[in-house]
C-alpha atoms as a PDB file:
ATOM      1  CA  UNK A   1      98.292 109.066  67.399  1.00  0.00           C
ATOM      2  CA  UNK A   2     101.845 110.179  68.123  1.00  0.00           C
ATOM      3  CA  UNK A   3     103.592 108.039  70.723  1.00  0.00           C
ATOM      4  CA  UNK A   4     105.481 109.921  73.404  1.00  0.00           C
ATOM      5  CA  UNK A   5     109.288 109.766  73.144  1.00  0.00           C
ATOM      6  CA  UNK A   6     110.022 107.371  76.011  1.00  0.00           C
ATOM      7  CA  UNK A   7     107.283 105.007  74.943  1.00  0.00           C
ATOM      8  CA  UNK A   8     108.516 105.106  71.364  1.00  0.00           C
ATOM      9  CA  UNK A   9     112.024 104.251  72.557  1.00  0.00           C
ATOM     10  CA  UNK A  10     110.689 101.221  74.412  1.00  0.00           C
ATOM     11  CA  UNK A  11     108.848 100.039  71.310  1.00  0.00           C
ATOM     12  CA  UNK A  12     112.006 100.543  69.285  1.00  0.00           C
ATOM     13  CA  UNK A  13     113.922  98.326  71.702  1.00  0.00           C
ATOM     14  CA  UNK A  14     111.376  95.544  71.207  1.00  0.00           C
ATOM     15  CA  UNK A  15     111.764  95.856  67.450  1.00  0.00           C
ATOM     16  CA  UNK A  16     115.522  95.490  67.759  1.00  0.00           C
ATOM     17  CA  UNK A  17     114.989  92.332  69.785  1.00  0.00           C
ATOM     18  CA  UNK A  18     113.118  90.845  66.849  1.00  0.00           C
ATOM     19  CA  UNK A  19     109.638  90.568  68.381  1.00  0.00           C
ATOM     20  CA  UNK A  20     106.320  91.137  66.575  1.00  0.00           C
ATOM     21  CA  UNK A  21     103.377  92.625  68.420  1.00  0.00           C
ATOM     22  CA  UNK A  22      99.787  93.743  68.171  1.00  0.00           C
ATOM     23  CA  UNK A  23      99.118  96.706  70.434  1.00  0.00           C
ATOM     24  CA  UNK A  24      96.655  99.153  71.928  1.00  0.00           C
ATOM     25  CA  UNK A  25      96.904 101.864  74.543  1.00  0.00           C
ATOM     26  CA  UNK A  26      95.636 105.067  76.073  1.00  0.00           C
ATOM     27  CA  UNK A  27      96.588 108.023  78.274  1.00  0.00           C
ATOM     28  CA  UNK A  28      95.254 109.372  81.574  1.00  0.00           C
ATOM     29  CA  UNK A  29      95.880 112.657  83.445  1.00  0.00           C
ATOM     30  CA  UNK A  30      97.701 112.079  86.729  1.00  0.00           C
ATOM     31  CA  UNK A  31      94.961 113.987  88.576  1.00  0.00           C
ATOM     32  CA  UNK A  32      92.538 111.127  87.803  1.00  0.00           C
ATOM     33  CA  UNK A  33      94.707 108.561  89.588  1.00  0.00           C
ATOM     34  CA  UNK A  34      93.907 108.027  93.270  1.00  0.00           C
ATOM     35  CA  UNK A  35      96.630 107.956  95.931  1.00  0.00           C
ATOM     36  CA  UNK A  36      97.122 105.091  98.351  1.00  0.00           C
ATOM     37  CA  UNK A  37      96.659 106.618 101.844  1.00  0.00           C
ATOM     38  CA  UNK A  38      98.889 105.856 104.775  1.00  0.00           C
ATOM     39  CA  UNK A  39      97.958 102.825 106.898  1.00  0.00           C
ATOM     40  CA  UNK A  40      95.275 103.263 109.548  1.00  0.00           C
ATOM     41  CA  UNK A  41      95.516 101.541 112.899  1.00  0.00           C
ATOM     42  CA  UNK A  42      93.544  98.309 113.135  1.00  0.00           C
ATOM     43  CA  UNK A  43      90.380  98.018 115.191  1.00  0.00           C
ATOM     44  CA  UNK A  44      90.804  96.689 118.695  1.00  0.00           C
ATOM     45  CA  UNK A  45      88.624  93.695 117.794  1.00  0.00           C
ATOM     46  CA  UNK A  46      91.109  92.576 115.132  1.00  0.00           C
ATOM     47  CA  UNK A  47      93.993  90.569 116.674  1.00  0.00           C
ATOM     48  CA  UNK A  48      97.354  91.992 115.608  1.00  0.00           C
ATOM     49  CA  UNK A  49      98.913  88.531 115.393  1.00  0.00           C
ATOM     50  CA  UNK A  50      96.137  87.135 113.184  1.00  0.00           C
ATOM     51  CA  UNK A  51      96.614  88.366 109.624  1.00  0.00           C
ATOM     52  CA  UNK A  52      94.092  87.277 107.015  1.00  0.00           C
ATOM     53  CA  UNK A  53      95.837  86.064 103.874  1.00  0.00           C
ATOM     54  CA  UNK A  54      99.244  85.477 105.508  1.00  0.00           C
ATOM     55  CA  UNK A  55     100.586  82.441 107.365  1.00  0.00           C
ATOM     56  CA  UNK A  56     103.818  81.861 109.290  1.00  0.00           C
ATOM     57  CA  UNK A  57     105.513  78.482 109.690  1.00  0.00           C
ATOM     58  CA  UNK A  58     108.764  77.826 111.537  1.00  0.00           C
ATOM     59  CA  UNK A  59     111.230  74.941 111.441  1.00  0.00           C
ATOM     60  CA  UNK A  60     114.585  74.090 112.964  1.00  0.00           C
ATOM     61  CA  UNK A  61     117.521  75.648 111.202  1.00  0.00           C
ATOM     62  CA  UNK A  62     121.305  75.455 111.391  1.00  0.00           C
ATOM     63  CA  UNK A  63     123.039  75.200 114.792  1.00  0.00           C
ATOM     64  CA  UNK A  64     120.062  75.766 117.027  1.00  0.00           C
ATOM     65  CA  UNK A  65     118.500  78.543 114.937  1.00  0.00           C
ATOM     66  CA  UNK A  66     115.050  78.576 113.387  1.00  0.00           C
ATOM     67  CA  UNK A  67     113.868  79.370 109.878  1.00  0.00           C
ATOM     68  CA  UNK A  68     110.575  81.196 109.395  1.00  0.00           C
ATOM     69  CA  UNK A  69     108.505  81.090 106.194  1.00  0.00           C
ATOM     70  CA  UNK A  70     105.774  83.572 105.386  1.00  0.00           C
ATOM     71  CA  UNK A  71     103.236  82.489 102.763  1.00  0.00           C
ATOM     72  CA  UNK A  72     100.589  84.686 101.139  1.00  0.00           C
ATOM     73  CA  UNK A  73      97.254  83.206 100.078  1.00  0.00           C
ATOM     74  CA  UNK A  74      97.831  83.909  96.375  1.00  0.00           C
ATOM     75  CA  UNK A  75      94.721  81.957  95.386  1.00  0.00           C
ATOM     76  CA  UNK A  76      92.675  84.622  97.176  1.00  0.00           C
ATOM     77  CA  UNK A  77      94.550  87.518  95.586  1.00  0.00           C
ATOM     78  CA  UNK A  78      97.207  88.151  98.257  1.00  0.00           C
ATOM     79  CA  UNK A  79     100.889  88.874  97.619  1.00  0.00           C
ATOM     80  CA  UNK A  80     103.876  89.977  99.704  1.00  0.00           C
ATOM     81  CA  UNK A  81     105.559  93.119  98.397  1.00  0.00           C
ATOM     82  CA  UNK A  82     108.805  94.840  99.283  1.00  0.00           C
ATOM     83  CA  UNK A  83     109.852  98.280  98.117  1.00  0.00           C
ATOM     84  CA  UNK A  84     113.622  98.223  97.970  1.00  0.00           C
ATOM     85  CA  UNK A  85     115.659  99.479  95.030  1.00  0.00           C
ATOM     86  CA  UNK A  86     112.848  98.038  92.901  1.00  0.00           C
ATOM     87  CA  UNK A  87     109.512  96.375  93.584  1.00  0.00           C
ATOM     88  CA  UNK A  88     109.737  92.744  94.700  1.00  0.00           C
ATOM     89  CA  UNK A  89     106.566  90.675  94.728  1.00  0.00           C
ATOM     90  CA  UNK A  90     106.389  87.109  96.042  1.00  0.00           C
ATOM     91  CA  UNK A  91     104.047  84.530  97.492  1.00  0.00           C
ATOM     92  CA  UNK A  92     106.633  83.483 100.067  1.00  0.00           C
ATOM     93  CA  UNK A  93     109.286  85.194 102.142  1.00  0.00           C
ATOM     94  CA  UNK A  94     111.692  83.711 104.669  1.00  0.00           C
ATOM     95  CA  UNK A  95     114.297  84.665 107.243  1.00  0.00           C
ATOM     96  CA  UNK A  96     116.384  82.994 109.926  1.00  0.00           C
ATOM     97  CA  UNK A  97     115.969  83.683 113.621  1.00  0.00           C
ATOM     98  CA  UNK A  98     119.132  85.800 113.616  1.00  0.00           C
ATOM     99  CA  UNK A  99     117.599  88.252 111.135  1.00  0.00           C
ATOM    100  CA  UNK A 100     116.487  91.764 111.950  1.00  0.00           C
ATOM    101  CA  UNK A 101     112.892  92.944 112.264  1.00  0.00           C
ATOM    102  CA  UNK A 102     111.397  93.947 108.922  1.00  0.00           C
ATOM    103  CA  UNK A 103     108.311  95.756 107.690  1.00  0.00           C
ATOM    104  CA  UNK A 104     106.594  94.068 104.754  1.00  0.00           C
ATOM    105  CA  UNK A 105     103.396  94.825 102.850  1.00  0.00           C
ATOM    106  CA  UNK A 106     100.674  92.266 102.266  1.00  0.00           C
ATOM    107  CA  UNK A 107      98.740  93.410  99.190  1.00  0.00           C
ATOM    108  CA  UNK A 108      95.447  92.124  97.866  1.00  0.00           C
ATOM    109  CA  UNK A 109      93.897  92.975  94.505  1.00  0.00           C
ATOM    110  CA  UNK A 110      90.104  92.673  94.597  1.00  0.00           C
ATOM    111  CA  UNK A 111      87.636  93.071  91.704  1.00  0.00           C
ATOM    112  CA  UNK A 112      83.966  93.463  92.593  1.00  0.00           C
ATOM    113  CA  UNK A 113      81.034  94.938  90.666  1.00  0.00           C
ATOM    114  CA  UNK A 114      83.365  96.324  88.008  1.00  0.00           C
ATOM    115  CA  UNK A 115      85.601  98.123  90.540  1.00  0.00           C
ATOM    116  CA  UNK A 116      89.169  97.093  91.407  1.00  0.00           C
ATOM    117  CA  UNK A 117      90.754  97.963  94.741  1.00  0.00           C
ATOM    118  CA  UNK A 118      94.147  97.355  96.303  1.00  0.00           C
ATOM    119  CA  UNK A 119      94.180  96.605 100.013  1.00  0.00           C
ATOM    120  CA  UNK A 120      97.520  96.873 101.804  1.00  0.00           C
ATOM    121  CA  UNK A 121      98.338  95.585 105.278  1.00  0.00           C
ATOM    122  CA  UNK A 122     101.588  96.739 106.870  1.00  0.00           C
ATOM    123  CA  UNK A 123     103.207  93.763 108.608  1.00  0.00           C
ATOM    124  CA  UNK A 124     106.024  93.732 111.162  1.00  0.00           C
ATOM    125  CA  UNK A 125     108.006  90.506 110.858  1.00  0.00           C
ATOM    126  CA  UNK A 126     110.299  89.602 113.765  1.00  0.00           C
ATOM    127  CA  UNK A 127     112.539  86.622 112.878  1.00  0.00           C
ATOM    128  CA  UNK A 128     114.129  86.706 116.345  1.00  0.00           C
ATOM    129  CA  UNK A 129     110.777  86.103 118.058  1.00  0.00           C
ATOM    130  CA  UNK A 130     109.171  84.214 115.198  1.00  0.00           C
ATOM    131  CA  UNK A 131     106.140  86.516 115.077  1.00  0.00           C
ATOM    132  CA  UNK A 132     104.172  88.646 112.640  1.00  0.00           C
ATOM    133  CA  UNK A 133     102.057  91.650 113.617  1.00  0.00           C
ATOM    134  CA  UNK A 134      99.619  93.669 111.533  1.00  0.00           C
ATOM    135  CA  UNK A 135     100.460  97.332 112.099  1.00  0.00           C
ATOM    136  CA  UNK A 136      97.855  99.037 109.910  1.00  0.00           C
ATOM    137  CA  UNK A 137      95.823  98.846 106.744  1.00  0.00           C
ATOM    138  CA  UNK A 138      94.984 101.091 103.804  1.00  0.00           C
ATOM    139  CA  UNK A 139      92.962 100.783 100.618  1.00  0.00           C
ATOM    140  CA  UNK A 140      92.738 102.572  97.286  1.00  0.00           C
ATOM    141  CA  UNK A 141      90.310 102.336  94.376  1.00  0.00           C
ATOM    142  CA  UNK A 142      92.423 101.620  91.312  1.00  0.00           C
ATOM    143  CA  UNK A 143      92.129 103.613  88.105  1.00  0.00           C
ATOM    144  CA  UNK A 144      91.659 101.425  85.052  1.00  0.00           C
ATOM    145  CA  UNK A 145      94.021 102.941  82.503  1.00  0.00           C
ATOM    146  CA  UNK A 146      93.536 100.550  79.608  1.00  0.00           C
ATOM    147  CA  UNK A 147      91.851  97.268  78.710  1.00  0.00           C
ATOM    148  CA  UNK A 148      93.271  95.438  75.709  1.00  0.00           C
ATOM    149  CA  UNK A 149      91.277  93.200  73.386  1.00  0.00           C
ATOM    150  CA  UNK A 150      93.391  90.278  74.634  1.00  0.00           C
ATOM    151  CA  UNK A 151      91.882  90.704  78.104  1.00  0.00           C
ATOM    152  CA  UNK A 152      94.936  92.350  79.703  1.00  0.00           C
ATOM    153  CA  UNK A 153      93.772  95.095  82.077  1.00  0.00           C
ATOM    154  CA  UNK A 154      96.130  97.732  83.449  1.00  0.00           C
ATOM    155  CA  UNK A 155      95.326  99.659  86.637  1.00  0.00           C
ATOM    156  CA  UNK A 156      97.199 102.471  88.347  1.00  0.00           C
ATOM    157  CA  UNK A 157      97.457 104.207  91.706  1.00  0.00           C
ATOM    158  CA  UNK A 158      99.642 106.930  93.167  1.00  0.00           C
ATOM    159  CA  UNK A 159     102.235 106.052  95.801  1.00  0.00           C
ATOM    160  CA  UNK A 160     104.595 108.655  97.248  1.00  0.00           C
ATOM    161  CA  UNK A 161     106.252 110.361  94.248  1.00  0.00           C
ATOM    162  CA  UNK A 162     105.449 107.610  91.768  1.00  0.00           C
ATOM    163  CA  UNK A 163     102.620 106.106  89.758  1.00  0.00           C
ATOM    164  CA  UNK A 164     102.313 102.339  90.175  1.00  0.00           C
ATOM    165  CA  UNK A 165     100.902 100.374  87.238  1.00  0.00           C
ATOM    166  CA  UNK A 166      99.435  96.946  88.005  1.00  0.00           C
ATOM    167  CA  UNK A 167      98.285  93.964  85.970  1.00  0.00           C
ATOM    168  CA  UNK A 168      97.271  90.408  86.636  1.00  0.00           C
ATOM    169  CA  UNK A 169      99.597  87.632  85.458  1.00  0.00           C
ATOM    170  CA  UNK A 170     102.558  90.024  85.262  1.00  0.00           C
ATOM    171  CA  UNK A 171     105.765  88.184  86.124  1.00  0.00           C
ATOM    172  CA  UNK A 172     108.530  90.785  85.832  1.00  0.00           C
ATOM    173  CA  UNK A 173     109.675  94.002  84.224  1.00  0.00           C
ATOM    174  CA  UNK A 174     111.866  97.062  84.641  1.00  0.00           C
ATOM    175  CA  UNK A 175     111.532 100.399  86.393  1.00  0.00           C
ATOM    176  CA  UNK A 176     113.435 102.974  84.362  1.00  0.00           C
ATOM    177  CA  UNK A 177     112.878 105.816  86.776  1.00  0.00           C
ATOM    178  CA  UNK A 178     114.818 108.408  88.709  1.00  0.00           C
ATOM    179  CA  UNK A 179     114.063 106.820  92.086  1.00  0.00           C
ATOM    180  CA  UNK A 180     116.952 104.401  91.889  1.00  0.00           C
ATOM    181  CA  UNK A 181     120.680 104.938  91.857  1.00  0.00           C
ATOM    182  CA  UNK A 182     122.200 106.869  89.005  1.00  0.00           C
ATOM    183  CA  UNK A 183     122.875 104.769  85.933  1.00  0.00           C
ATOM    184  CA  UNK A 184     121.006 101.676  87.110  1.00  0.00           C
ATOM    185  CA  UNK A 185     117.725 100.223  85.849  1.00  0.00           C
ATOM    186  CA  UNK A 186     115.798  98.422  88.628  1.00  0.00           C
ATOM    187  CA  UNK A 187     114.158  95.139  87.687  1.00  0.00           C
ATOM    188  CA  UNK A 188     110.725  94.164  88.931  1.00  0.00           C
ATOM    189  CA  UNK A 189     110.532  90.579  90.188  1.00  0.00           C
ATOM    190  CA  UNK A 190     107.378  88.592  90.788  1.00  0.00           C
ATOM    191  CA  UNK A 191     107.443  85.052  92.119  1.00  0.00           C
ATOM    192  CA  UNK A 192     104.109  83.282  91.784  1.00  0.00           C
ATOM    193  CA  UNK A 193     101.930  86.317  92.552  1.00  0.00           C
ATOM    194  CA  UNK A 194      98.533  86.706  90.859  1.00  0.00           C
ATOM    195  CA  UNK A 195      99.513  90.273  89.935  1.00  0.00           C
ATOM    196  CA  UNK A 196     102.511  92.595  89.977  1.00  0.00           C
ATOM    197  CA  UNK A 197     103.303  96.255  89.505  1.00  0.00           C
ATOM    198  CA  UNK A 198     106.036  98.692  88.580  1.00  0.00           C
ATOM    199  CA  UNK A 199     106.700 102.292  89.588  1.00  0.00           C
ATOM    200  CA  UNK A 200     106.934 105.205  87.192  1.00  0.00           C
ATOM    201  CA  UNK A 201     108.625 108.273  88.682  1.00  0.00           C
ATOM    202  CA  UNK A 202     106.285 111.271  88.536  1.00  0.00           C
ATOM    203  CA  UNK A 203     108.540 113.936  90.040  1.00  0.00           C
ATOM    204  CA  UNK A 204     109.897 115.365  86.786  1.00  0.00           C
ATOM    205  CA  UNK A 205     107.297 114.786  84.052  1.00  0.00           C
ATOM    206  CA  UNK A 206     109.044 117.260  81.737  1.00  0.00           C
ATOM    207  CA  UNK A 207     112.028 114.881  81.653  1.00  0.00           C
ATOM    208  CA  UNK A 208     109.859 111.799  81.346  1.00  0.00           C
ATOM    209  CA  UNK A 209     110.131 108.367  82.974  1.00  0.00           C
ATOM    210  CA  UNK A 210     108.973 104.883  82.111  1.00  0.00           C
ATOM    211  CA  UNK A 211     108.397 101.352  83.376  1.00  0.00           C
ATOM    212  CA  UNK A 212     107.581  98.046  81.785  1.00  0.00           C
ATOM    213  CA  UNK A 213     105.797  94.866  82.881  1.00  0.00           C
ATOM    214  CA  UNK A 214     105.878  91.491  81.160  1.00  0.00           C
ATOM    215  CA  UNK A 215     103.706  88.414  81.599  1.00  0.00           C
ATOM    216  CA  UNK A 216     101.823  85.575  79.950  1.00  0.00           C
ATOM    217  CA  UNK A 217      98.181  84.670  79.396  1.00  0.00           C
ATOM    218  CA  UNK A 218      96.664  81.171  79.719  1.00  0.00           C
ATOM    219  CA  UNK A 219      97.781  78.705  77.021  1.00  0.00           C
ATOM    220  CA  UNK A 220      95.742  78.493  73.851  1.00  0.00           C
ATOM    221  CA  UNK A 221      95.275  75.491  71.563  1.00  0.00           C
ATOM    222  CA  UNK A 222      96.407  71.911  72.039  1.00  0.00           C
ATOM    223  CA  UNK A 223      99.237  69.680  70.918  1.00  0.00           C
ATOM    224  CA  UNK A 224     101.522  71.209  68.308  1.00  0.00           C
ATOM    225  CA  UNK A 225      99.169  74.205  68.048  1.00  0.00           C
ATOM    226  CA  UNK A 226      99.466  75.016  71.753  1.00  0.00           C
ATOM    227  CA  UNK A 227     100.878  78.505  72.367  1.00  0.00           C
ATOM    228  CA  UNK A 228     101.348  80.678  75.445  1.00  0.00           C
ATOM    229  CA  UNK A 229     100.550  84.311  74.563  1.00  0.00           C
ATOM    230  CA  UNK A 230     102.893  86.870  76.070  1.00  0.00           C
ATOM    231  CA  UNK A 231     102.251  90.526  76.782  1.00  0.00           C
ATOM    232  CA  UNK A 232     104.340  93.617  77.458  1.00  0.00           C
ATOM    233  CA  UNK A 233     102.975  96.717  79.179  1.00  0.00           C
ATOM    234  CA  UNK A 234     104.790  99.983  78.467  1.00  0.00           C
ATOM    235  CA  UNK A 235     104.007 102.859  80.828  1.00  0.00           C
ATOM    236  CA  UNK A 236     105.435 106.373  80.840  1.00  0.00           C
ATOM    237  CA  UNK A 237     104.820 109.668  82.617  1.00  0.00           C
ATOM    238  CA  UNK A 238     105.548 112.826  80.661  1.00  0.00           C
ATOM    239  CA  UNK A 239     104.323 116.330  79.964  1.00  0.00           C
ATOM    240  CA  UNK A 240     104.605 118.194  76.693  1.00  0.00           C
ATOM    241  CA  UNK A 241     103.672 121.786  75.917  1.00  0.00           C
ATOM    242  CA  UNK A 242     100.127 120.974  74.833  1.00  0.00           C
ATOM    243  CA  UNK A 243      99.312 119.061  78.047  1.00  0.00           C
ATOM    244  CA  UNK A 244      97.442 120.867  80.801  1.00  0.00           C
ATOM    245  CA  UNK A 245      99.019 118.445  83.293  1.00  0.00           C
ATOM    246  CA  UNK A 246     101.325 115.408  83.336  1.00  0.00           C
ATOM    247  CA  UNK A 247      99.969 112.334  81.607  1.00  0.00           C
ATOM    248  CA  UNK A 248     100.339 108.601  82.160  1.00  0.00           C
ATOM    249  CA  UNK A 249     100.575 106.723  78.855  1.00  0.00           C
ATOM    250  CA  UNK A 250     100.051 102.968  78.857  1.00  0.00           C
ATOM    251  CA  UNK A 251     100.340 100.612  75.917  1.00  0.00           C
ATOM    252  CA  UNK A 252      99.770  96.835  75.835  1.00  0.00           C
ATOM    253  CA  UNK A 253     101.678  94.805  73.260  1.00  0.00           C
ATOM    254  CA  UNK A 254     100.948  91.158  72.545  1.00  0.00           C
ATOM    255  CA  UNK A 255     103.454  88.679  71.154  1.00  0.00           C
ATOM    256  CA  UNK A 256     102.137  87.142  67.952  1.00  0.00           C
END
């Protein structure tokens, strides 16, 4: 199978870095990937200040101020995400009482009966008042793009003008897309989350765009034979003459 140009370039970079990998991958038409809808207002019976999977604790700060810590229940699949220049995923987030109001997303990846879904709660965080409020919630059924023999599973969903690829145990990566500032490559950061994702720009598939996630699997072996397997997920959106529509290509590479 011929690898698309951007994906081939990413593999070439890994070769230059001196890594050895086993790999496997697949492609999926963009039309098969579901879009995350906008948040719907919560039911009246659901208290706005009570957010399942998110807790707020406050403590005295410097010179009469307070510091507020938000903590996601990562053990139950929750994670705090911010879409700035690049995706930022974390189990905790904090701000002082002099900070401005912010809108954060509380995401939860759920697998049940062979189906994976992403649930997103839009949260208004007011450091001045020391409060959090659930503004709305949305949910999307994720498209499983590939499942490697190592057990790494890659899902995808559509968000705005991008395709987001997700995987459990991902800890970082890069978003080499056209959504950021010219000449810069945004880095994905994930701090303690059970999963993470990266955006692939889908606006100009003829030009192509890519993203990459990295992570580790549970340790294998004991003593001197103990190793921690690493994985790299390469994802690209492109369209060549033979394609009826733009395609998402995903490839999983394992460090060996």
